[in-house]
PDB file of N, CA and C in Angstrom:
ATOM      1  N   GLN A   1       0.807  -1.159   0.008  1.00  0.00           N
ATOM      2  CA  GLN A   1       0.049   0.078   0.010  1.00  0.00           C
ATOM      3  C   GLN A   1       0.835   1.151  -0.139  1.00  0.00           C
ATOM      4  N   THR A   2       0.620   2.084  -0.909  1.00  0.00           N
ATOM      5  CA  THR A   2       1.408   3.558  -1.132  1.00  0.00           C
ATOM      6  C   THR A   2       0.823   4.374  -0.152  1.00  0.00           C
ATOM      7  N   VAL A   3       1.691   5.022   0.814  1.00  0.00           N
ATOM      8  CA  VAL A   3       1.248   5.937   1.791  1.00  0.00           C
ATOM      9  C   VAL A   3       1.736   7.354   1.247  1.00  0.00           C
ATOM     10  N   GLY A   4       0.893   8.119   0.487  1.00  0.00           N
ATOM     11  CA  GLY A   4       1.224   9.585   0.241  1.00  0.00           C
ATOM     12  C   GLY A   4       2.110   9.401  -0.899  1.00  0.00           C
ATOM     13  N   GLN A   5       2.278  10.610  -1.631  1.00  0.00           N
ATOM     14  CA  GLN A   5       3.122  10.827  -2.767  1.00  0.00           C
ATOM     15  C   GLN A   5       4.123  11.765  -2.590  1.00  0.00           C
ATOM     16  N   ARG A   6       4.160  12.502  -1.565  1.00  0.00           N
ATOM     17  CA  ARG A   6       5.343  13.551  -1.322  1.00  0.00           C
ATOM     18  C   ARG A   6       6.632  12.922  -0.917  1.00  0.00           C
ATOM     19  N   PRO A   7       7.756  13.523  -1.204  1.00  0.00           N
ATOM     20  CA  PRO A   7       9.023  13.095  -0.824  1.00  0.00           C
ATOM     21  C   PRO A   7       9.235  13.348   0.673  1.00  0.00           C
ATOM     22  N   VAL A   8      10.007  12.464   1.301  1.00  0.00           N
ATOM     23  CA  VAL A   8      10.101  12.543   2.683  1.00  0.00           C
ATOM     24  C   VAL A   8      11.725  12.712   2.911  1.00  0.00           C
ATOM     25  N   THR A   9      11.955  14.008   3.658  1.00  0.00           N
ATOM     26  CA  THR A   9      13.337  14.317   4.014  1.00  0.00           C
ATOM     27  C   THR A   9      13.475  14.175   5.440  1.00  0.00           C
ATOM     28  N   LEU A  10      14.317  13.304   6.106  1.00  0.00           N
ATOM     29  CA  LEU A  10      14.663  13.119   7.528  1.00  0.00           C
ATOM     30  C   LEU A  10      15.723  14.044   7.854  1.00  0.00           C
ATOM     31  N   VAL A  11      15.534  14.791   9.035  1.00  0.00           N
ATOM     32  CA  VAL A  11      16.746  15.423   9.681  1.00  0.00           C
ATOM     33  C   VAL A  11      16.810  15.001  10.926  1.00  0.00           C
ATOM     34  N   GLY A  12      18.215  14.761  11.516  1.00  0.00           N
ATOM     35  CA  GLY A  12      18.197  14.341  12.898  1.00  0.00           C
ATOM     36  C   GLY A  12      19.438  14.946  13.520  1.00  0.00           C
ATOM     37  N   HIS A  13      19.556  15.189  14.842  1.00  0.00           N
ATOM     38  CA  HIS A  13      20.781  15.699  15.412  1.00  0.00           C
ATOM     39  C   HIS A  13      21.023  14.918  16.706  1.00  0.00           C
ATOM     40  N   SER A  14      22.230  14.606  16.920  1.00  0.00           N
ATOM     41  CA  SER A  14      22.887  13.819  18.154  1.00  0.00           C
ATOM     42  C   SER A  14      22.054  12.491  18.070  1.00  0.00           C
ATOM     43  N   MET A  15      21.529  12.297  19.430  1.00  0.00           N
ATOM     44  CA  MET A  15      20.741  11.030  19.474  1.00  0.00           C
ATOM     45  C   MET A  15      19.543  10.860  18.691  1.00  0.00           C
ATOM     46  N   GLY A  16      18.786  11.830  18.319  1.00  0.00           N
ATOM     47  CA  GLY A  16      17.929  11.679  17.286  1.00  0.00           C
ATOM     48  C   GLY A  16      18.333  11.215  15.999  1.00  0.00           C
ATOM     49  N   ALA A  17      19.577  11.705  15.541  1.00  0.00           N
ATOM     50  CA  ALA A  17      20.049  11.083  14.164  1.00  0.00           C
ATOM     51  C   ALA A  17      20.541   9.513  14.438  1.00  0.00           C
ATOM     52  N   ARG A  18      20.905   9.204  15.607  1.00  0.00           N
ATOM     53  CA  ARG A  18      21.285   7.900  15.989  1.00  0.00           C
ATOM     54  C   ARG A  18      20.000   6.837  15.806  1.00  0.00           C
ATOM     55  N   LEU A  19      18.893   7.471  16.278  1.00  0.00           N
ATOM     56  CA  LEU A  19      17.561   6.813  16.167  1.00  0.00           C
ATOM     57  C   LEU A  19      17.256   6.785  14.634  1.00  0.00           C
ATOM     58  N   LEU A  20      17.346   7.722  14.054  1.00  0.00           N
ATOM     59  CA  LEU A  20      17.200   7.711  12.402  1.00  0.00           C
ATOM     60  C   LEU A  20      17.830   6.748  11.713  1.00  0.00           C
ATOM     61  N   VAL A  21      19.225   6.505  12.064  1.00  0.00           N
ATOM     62  CA  VAL A  21      20.054   5.474  11.586  1.00  0.00           C
ATOM     63  C   VAL A  21      19.530   4.043  11.853  1.00  0.00           C
ATOM     64  N   TYR A  22      19.282   3.798  13.181  1.00  0.00           N
ATOM     65  CA  TYR A  22      18.771   2.416  13.381  1.00  0.00           C
ATOM     66  C   TYR A  22      17.255   2.236  12.866  1.00  0.00           C
ATOM     67  N   CYS A  23      16.649   3.201  12.540  1.00  0.00           N
ATOM     68  CA  CYS A  23      15.114   3.233  11.785  1.00  0.00           C
ATOM     69  C   CYS A  23      15.336   2.756  10.384  1.00  0.00           C
ATOM     70  N   LEU A  24      16.401   3.478   9.830  1.00  0.00           N
ATOM     71  CA  LEU A  24      16.617   3.268   8.421  1.00  0.00           C
ATOM     72  C   LEU A  24      17.189   1.822   8.138  1.00  0.00           C
ATOM     73  N   CYS A  25      18.135   1.271   9.090  1.00  0.00           N
ATOM     74  CA  CYS A  25      18.585   0.079   9.052  1.00  0.00           C
ATOM     75  C   CYS A  25      17.332  -1.132   9.166  1.00  0.00           C
ATOM     76  N   GLU A  26      16.414  -0.669   9.932  1.00  0.00           N
ATOM     77  CA  GLU A  26      15.244  -1.615  10.210  1.00  0.00           C
ATOM     78  C   GLU A  26      14.414  -1.616   8.974  1.00  0.00           C
ATOM     79  N   LEU A  27      14.233  -0.476   8.275  1.00  0.00           N
ATOM     80  CA  LEU A  27      13.450  -0.382   6.843  1.00  0.00           C
ATOM     81  C   LEU A  27      14.228  -1.289   5.938  1.00  0.00           C
ATOM     82  N   TYR A  28      15.528  -1.218   6.097  1.00  0.00           N
ATOM     83  CA  TYR A  28      16.326  -2.041   5.081  1.00  0.00           C
ATOM     84  C   TYR A  28      16.153  -3.600   5.359  1.00  0.00           C
ATOM     85  N   ASP A  29      16.019  -4.028   6.594  1.00  0.00           N
ATOM     86  CA  ASP A  29      15.841  -5.305   7.030  1.00  0.00           C
ATOM     87  C   ASP A  29      14.534  -5.720   6.731  1.00  0.00           C
ATOM     88  N   MET A  30      13.435  -4.982   6.527  1.00  0.00           N
ATOM     89  CA  MET A  30      12.050  -5.187   6.086  1.00  0.00           C
ATOM     90  C   MET A  30      11.942  -5.141   4.627  1.00  0.00           C
ATOM     91  N   GLY A  31      12.926  -5.008   3.836  1.00  0.00           N
ATOM     92  CA  GLY A  31      12.871  -4.787   2.362  1.00  0.00           C
ATOM     93  C   GLY A  31      12.354  -3.570   1.902  1.00  0.00           C
ATOM     94  N   GLU A  32      12.144  -2.492   2.618  1.00  0.00           N
ATOM     95  CA  GLU A  32      11.726  -1.224   2.248  1.00  0.00           C
ATOM     96  C   GLU A  32      12.847  -0.277   1.528  1.00  0.00           C
ATOM     97  N   LEU A  33      13.216  -0.393   0.338  1.00  0.00           N
ATOM     98  CA  LEU A  33      14.322   0.277  -0.201  1.00  0.00           C
ATOM     99  C   LEU A  33      13.707   1.691  -1.052  1.00  0.00           C
ATOM    100  N   HIS A  34      14.365   2.699  -0.958  1.00  0.00           N
ATOM    101  CA  HIS A  34      14.125   3.916  -1.613  1.00  0.00           C
ATOM    102  C   HIS A  34      12.796   4.357  -1.134  1.00  0.00           C
ATOM    103  N   VAL A  35      12.522   4.487   0.074  1.00  0.00           N
ATOM    104  CA  VAL A  35      11.369   4.955   0.679  1.00  0.00           C
ATOM    105  C   VAL A  35      11.439   6.397   1.177  1.00  0.00           C
ATOM    106  N   VAL A  36      12.707   6.730   1.420  1.00  0.00           N
ATOM    107  CA  VAL A  36      13.059   8.154   2.052  1.00  0.00           C
ATOM    108  C   VAL A  36      13.769   8.901   0.870  1.00  0.00           C
ATOM    109  N   ASP A  37      13.500  10.167   0.844  1.00  0.00           N
ATOM    110  CA  ASP A  37      14.225  11.044  -0.246  1.00  0.00           C
ATOM    111  C   ASP A  37      15.707  11.519   0.286  1.00  0.00           C
ATOM    112  N   ASP A  38      15.582  12.150   1.160  1.00  0.00           N
ATOM    113  CA  ASP A  38      17.014  12.745   1.541  1.00  0.00           C
ATOM    114  C   ASP A  38      16.965  12.502   3.056  1.00  0.00           C
ATOM    115  N   VAL A  39      18.397  12.325   3.563  1.00  0.00           N
ATOM    116  CA  VAL A  39      18.696  12.195   4.968  1.00  0.00           C
ATOM    117  C   VAL A  39      19.909  13.050   5.327  1.00  0.00           C
ATOM    118  N   VAL A  40      19.435  13.792   6.429  1.00  0.00           N
ATOM    119  CA  VAL A  40      20.601  14.786   6.991  1.00  0.00           C
ATOM    120  C   VAL A  40      20.857  14.330   8.445  1.00  0.00           C
ATOM    121  N   LEU A  41      22.078  14.065   8.696  1.00  0.00           N
ATOM    122  CA  LEU A  41      22.515  13.628   9.927  1.00  0.00           C
ATOM    123  C   LEU A  41      23.510  14.498  10.454  1.00  0.00           C
ATOM    124  N   LEU A  42      23.258  15.039  11.722  1.00  0.00           N
ATOM    125  CA  LEU A  42      24.200  15.974  12.422  1.00  0.00           C
ATOM    126  C   LEU A  42      24.598  15.620  13.744  1.00  0.00           C
ATOM    127  N   GLY A  43      26.072  15.266  13.774  1.00  0.00           N
ATOM    128  CA  GLY A  43      26.510  14.900  15.114  1.00  0.00           C
ATOM    129  C   GLY A  43      26.022  13.555  15.437  1.00  0.00           C
ATOM    130  N   THR A  44      26.088  12.545  14.565  1.00  0.00           N
ATOM    131  CA  THR A  44      25.574  11.195  14.988  1.00  0.00           C
ATOM    132  C   THR A  44      26.626  10.368  15.640  1.00  0.00           C
ATOM    133  N   PRO A  45      26.178   9.932  16.875  1.00  0.00           N
ATOM    134  CA  PRO A  45      26.884   8.900  17.551  1.00  0.00           C
ATOM    135  C   PRO A  45      26.920   7.458  17.149  1.00  0.00           C
ATOM    136  N   VAL A  46      27.240   7.069  15.784  1.00  0.00           N
ATOM    137  CA  VAL A  46      27.165   5.909  15.381  1.00  0.00           C
ATOM    138  C   VAL A  46      28.596   5.333  14.865  1.00  0.00           C
ATOM    139  N   THR A  47      28.641   4.008  14.677  1.00  0.00           N
ATOM    140  CA  THR A  47      29.834   3.579  13.968  1.00  0.00           C
ATOM    141  C   THR A  47      30.048   4.025  12.583  1.00  0.00           C
ATOM    142  N   THR A  48      31.130   3.829  11.866  1.00  0.00           N
ATOM    143  CA  THR A  48      31.370   4.158  10.665  1.00  0.00           C
ATOM    144  C   THR A  48      31.695   2.785   9.882  1.00  0.00           C
ATOM    145  N   GLU A  49      31.163   1.646  10.133  1.00  0.00           N
ATOM    146  CA  GLU A  49      31.482   0.448   9.560  1.00  0.00           C
ATOM    147  C   GLU A  49      30.525   0.616   8.188  1.00  0.00           C
ATOM    148  N   PRO A  50      31.103   0.252   7.209  1.00  0.00           N
ATOM    149  CA  PRO A  50      30.583   0.453   5.730  1.00  0.00           C
ATOM    150  C   PRO A  50      29.210  -0.284   5.614  1.00  0.00           C
ATOM    151  N   SER A  51      29.025  -1.377   6.231  1.00  0.00           N
ATOM    152  CA  SER A  51      27.820  -2.235   5.993  1.00  0.00           C
ATOM    153  C   SER A  51      26.638  -1.294   6.580  1.00  0.00           C
ATOM    154  N   LYS A  52      26.789  -0.738   7.634  1.00  0.00           N
ATOM    155  CA  LYS A  52      25.770  -0.040   8.249  1.00  0.00           C
ATOM    156  C   LYS A  52      25.198   1.288   7.334  1.00  0.00           C
ATOM    157  N   TRP A  53      26.209   1.865   6.750  1.00  0.00           N
ATOM    158  CA  TRP A  53      26.026   2.968   5.986  1.00  0.00           C
ATOM    159  C   TRP A  53      25.392   2.591   4.652  1.00  0.00           C
ATOM    160  N   GLN A  54      25.775   1.376   4.116  1.00  0.00           N
ATOM    161  CA  GLN A  54      25.095   0.795   2.919  1.00  0.00           C
ATOM    162  C   GLN A  54      23.750   0.544   3.033  1.00  0.00           C
ATOM    163  N   LYS A  55      23.157   0.171   4.185  1.00  0.00           N
ATOM    164  CA  LYS A  55      21.947  -0.008   4.489  1.00  0.00           C
ATOM    165  C   LYS A  55      21.060   1.241   4.458  1.00  0.00           C
ATOM    166  N   VAL A  56      21.734   2.327   5.074  1.00  0.00           N
ATOM    167  CA  VAL A  56      21.158   3.638   5.274  1.00  0.00           C
ATOM    168  C   VAL A  56      21.099   4.075   3.802  1.00  0.00           C
ATOM    169  N   ARG A  57      22.163   3.962   2.830  1.00  0.00           N
ATOM    170  CA  ARG A  57      22.169   4.387   1.669  1.00  0.00           C
ATOM    171  C   ARG A  57      21.146   3.955   0.732  1.00  0.00           C
ATOM    172  N   SER A  58      21.027   2.408   0.805  1.00  0.00           N
ATOM    173  CA  SER A  58      19.836   1.785   0.254  1.00  0.00           C
ATOM    174  C   SER A  58      18.516   2.114   0.365  1.00  0.00           C
ATOM    175  N   VAL A  59      18.108   2.786   1.617  1.00  0.00           N
ATOM    176  CA  VAL A  59      16.822   3.143   1.890  1.00  0.00           C
ATOM    177  C   VAL A  59      16.598   4.375   1.466  1.00  0.00           C
ATOM    178  N   ALA A  60      17.530   5.447   1.348  1.00  0.00           N
ATOM    179  CA  ALA A  60      17.524   6.706   0.719  1.00  0.00           C
ATOM    180  C   ALA A  60      17.470   6.644  -0.778  1.00  0.00           C
ATOM    181  N   SER A  61      16.463   7.412  -1.461  1.00  0.00           N
ATOM    182  CA  SER A  61      16.735   7.503  -2.866  1.00  0.00           C
ATOM    183  C   SER A  61      17.511   8.642  -3.258  1.00  0.00           C
ATOM    184  N   GLY A  62      17.685   9.719  -2.254  1.00  0.00           N
ATOM    185  CA  GLY A  62      18.442  10.944  -2.486  1.00  0.00           C
ATOM    186  C   GLY A  62      19.750  10.971  -1.774  1.00  0.00           C
ATOM    187  N   ARG A  63      20.052  12.150  -1.317  1.00  0.00           N
ATOM    188  CA  ARG A  63      21.305  12.114  -0.581  1.00  0.00           C
ATOM    189  C   ARG A  63      21.375  11.878   0.798  1.00  0.00           C
ATOM    190  N   VAL A  64      22.581  11.312   1.384  1.00  0.00           N
ATOM    191  CA  VAL A  64      22.673  11.110   2.595  1.00  0.00           C
ATOM    192  C   VAL A  64      23.807  11.810   3.264  1.00  0.00           C
ATOM    193  N   VAL A  65      23.549  12.842   4.113  1.00  0.00           N
ATOM    194  CA  VAL A  65      24.512  13.861   4.557  1.00  0.00           C
ATOM    195  C   VAL A  65      24.735  13.507   6.052  1.00  0.00           C
ATOM    196  N   ASN A  66      26.126  13.282   6.236  1.00  0.00           N
ATOM    197  CA  ASN A  66      26.490  13.184   7.682  1.00  0.00           C
ATOM    198  C   ASN A  66      27.556  14.342   8.100  1.00  0.00           C
ATOM    199  N   GLY A  67      26.933  15.142   8.933  1.00  0.00           N
ATOM    200  CA  GLY A  67      27.882  16.290   9.331  1.00  0.00           C
ATOM    201  C   GLY A  67      28.188  16.022  10.708  1.00  0.00           C
ATOM    202  N   PHE A  68      29.701  16.336  11.089  1.00  0.00           N
ATOM    203  CA  PHE A  68      30.089  16.242  12.309  1.00  0.00           C
ATOM    204  C   PHE A  68      31.532  17.010  12.460  1.00  0.00           C
ATOM    205  N   LEU A  69      31.934  17.155  13.719  1.00  0.00           N
ATOM    206  CA  LEU A  69      33.149  17.627  13.934  1.00  0.00           C
ATOM    207  C   LEU A  69      34.131  16.559  14.617  1.00  0.00           C
ATOM    208  N   GLY A  70      35.311  16.417  14.186  1.00  0.00           N
ATOM    209  CA  GLY A  70      36.071  15.587  14.426  1.00  0.00           C
ATOM    210  C   GLY A  70      36.656  15.715  15.814  1.00  0.00           C
ATOM    211  N   ASN A  71      36.497  16.936  16.609  1.00  0.00           N
ATOM    212  CA  ASN A  71      36.955  17.247  17.883  1.00  0.00           C
ATOM    213  C   ASN A  71      35.768  17.474  18.895  1.00  0.00           C
ATOM    214  N   ASP A  72      34.669  16.874  18.460  1.00  0.00           N
ATOM    215  CA  ASP A  72      33.640  17.098  19.349  1.00  0.00           C
ATOM    216  C   ASP A  72      33.542  16.030  20.520  1.00  0.00           C
ATOM    217  N   TRP A  73      33.733  16.471  21.747  1.00  0.00           N
ATOM    218  CA  TRP A  73      33.945  15.628  22.781  1.00  0.00           C
ATOM    219  C   TRP A  73      32.569  14.991  23.319  1.00  0.00           C
ATOM    220  N   VAL A  74      31.666  15.723  23.058  1.00  0.00           N
ATOM    221  CA  VAL A  74      30.179  15.172  23.526  1.00  0.00           C
ATOM    222  C   VAL A  74      29.873  13.891  22.558  1.00  0.00           C
ATOM    223  N   LEU A  75      30.012  14.192  21.229  1.00  0.00           N
ATOM    224  CA  LEU A  75      29.877  13.239  20.327  1.00  0.00           C
ATOM    225  C   LEU A  75      30.620  11.942  20.726  1.00  0.00           C
ATOM    226  N   ALA A  76      31.844  12.112  21.077  1.00  0.00           N
ATOM    227  CA  ALA A  76      32.894  10.982  21.350  1.00  0.00           C
ATOM    228  C   ALA A  76      32.442  10.433  22.622  1.00  0.00           C
ATOM    229  N   PHE A  77      31.715  10.864  23.656  1.00  0.00           N
ATOM    230  CA  PHE A  77      31.330  10.365  24.816  1.00  0.00           C
ATOM    231  C   PHE A  77      30.080   9.546  24.511  1.00  0.00           C
ATOM    232  N   LEU A  78      29.056  10.268  23.843  1.00  0.00           N
ATOM    233  CA  LEU A  78      27.861   9.519  23.361  1.00  0.00           C
ATOM    234  C   LEU A  78      28.048   8.217  22.434  1.00  0.00           C
ATOM    235  N   TYR A  79      29.135   8.268  21.659  1.00  0.00           N
ATOM    236  CA  TYR A  79      29.349   7.255  20.859  1.00  0.00           C
ATOM    237  C   TYR A  79      29.598   5.846  21.587  1.00  0.00           C
ATOM    238  N   ARG A  80      30.298   5.958  22.853  1.00  0.00           N
ATOM    239  CA  ARG A  80      30.580   4.887  23.545  1.00  0.00           C
ATOM    240  C   ARG A  80      29.393   4.134  24.258  1.00  0.00           C
ATOM    241  N   TYR A  81      28.063   4.720  24.388  1.00  0.00           N
ATOM    242  CA  TYR A  81      26.992   4.580  24.964  1.00  0.00           C
ATOM    243  C   TYR A  81      25.788   4.108  23.917  1.00  0.00           C
TER     244      TYR A  81
END
């Protein structure tokens, strides 16, 4: 069943962006590919393993933007948990 015809752009910051990554991975596991237009993640405390990002990229039909600062100590702290 198709739900709406408008493109969906997801924007998340910090732990909200982490939640988006896990939700996008779950959509991938459900076989829902290209259901989100664009994804913007800012300060996301998640791993950089390529398999996880491949799943995120497969669900998004548009761009996936991951913005972060390399010296962000809060991000480094949250990444551990």
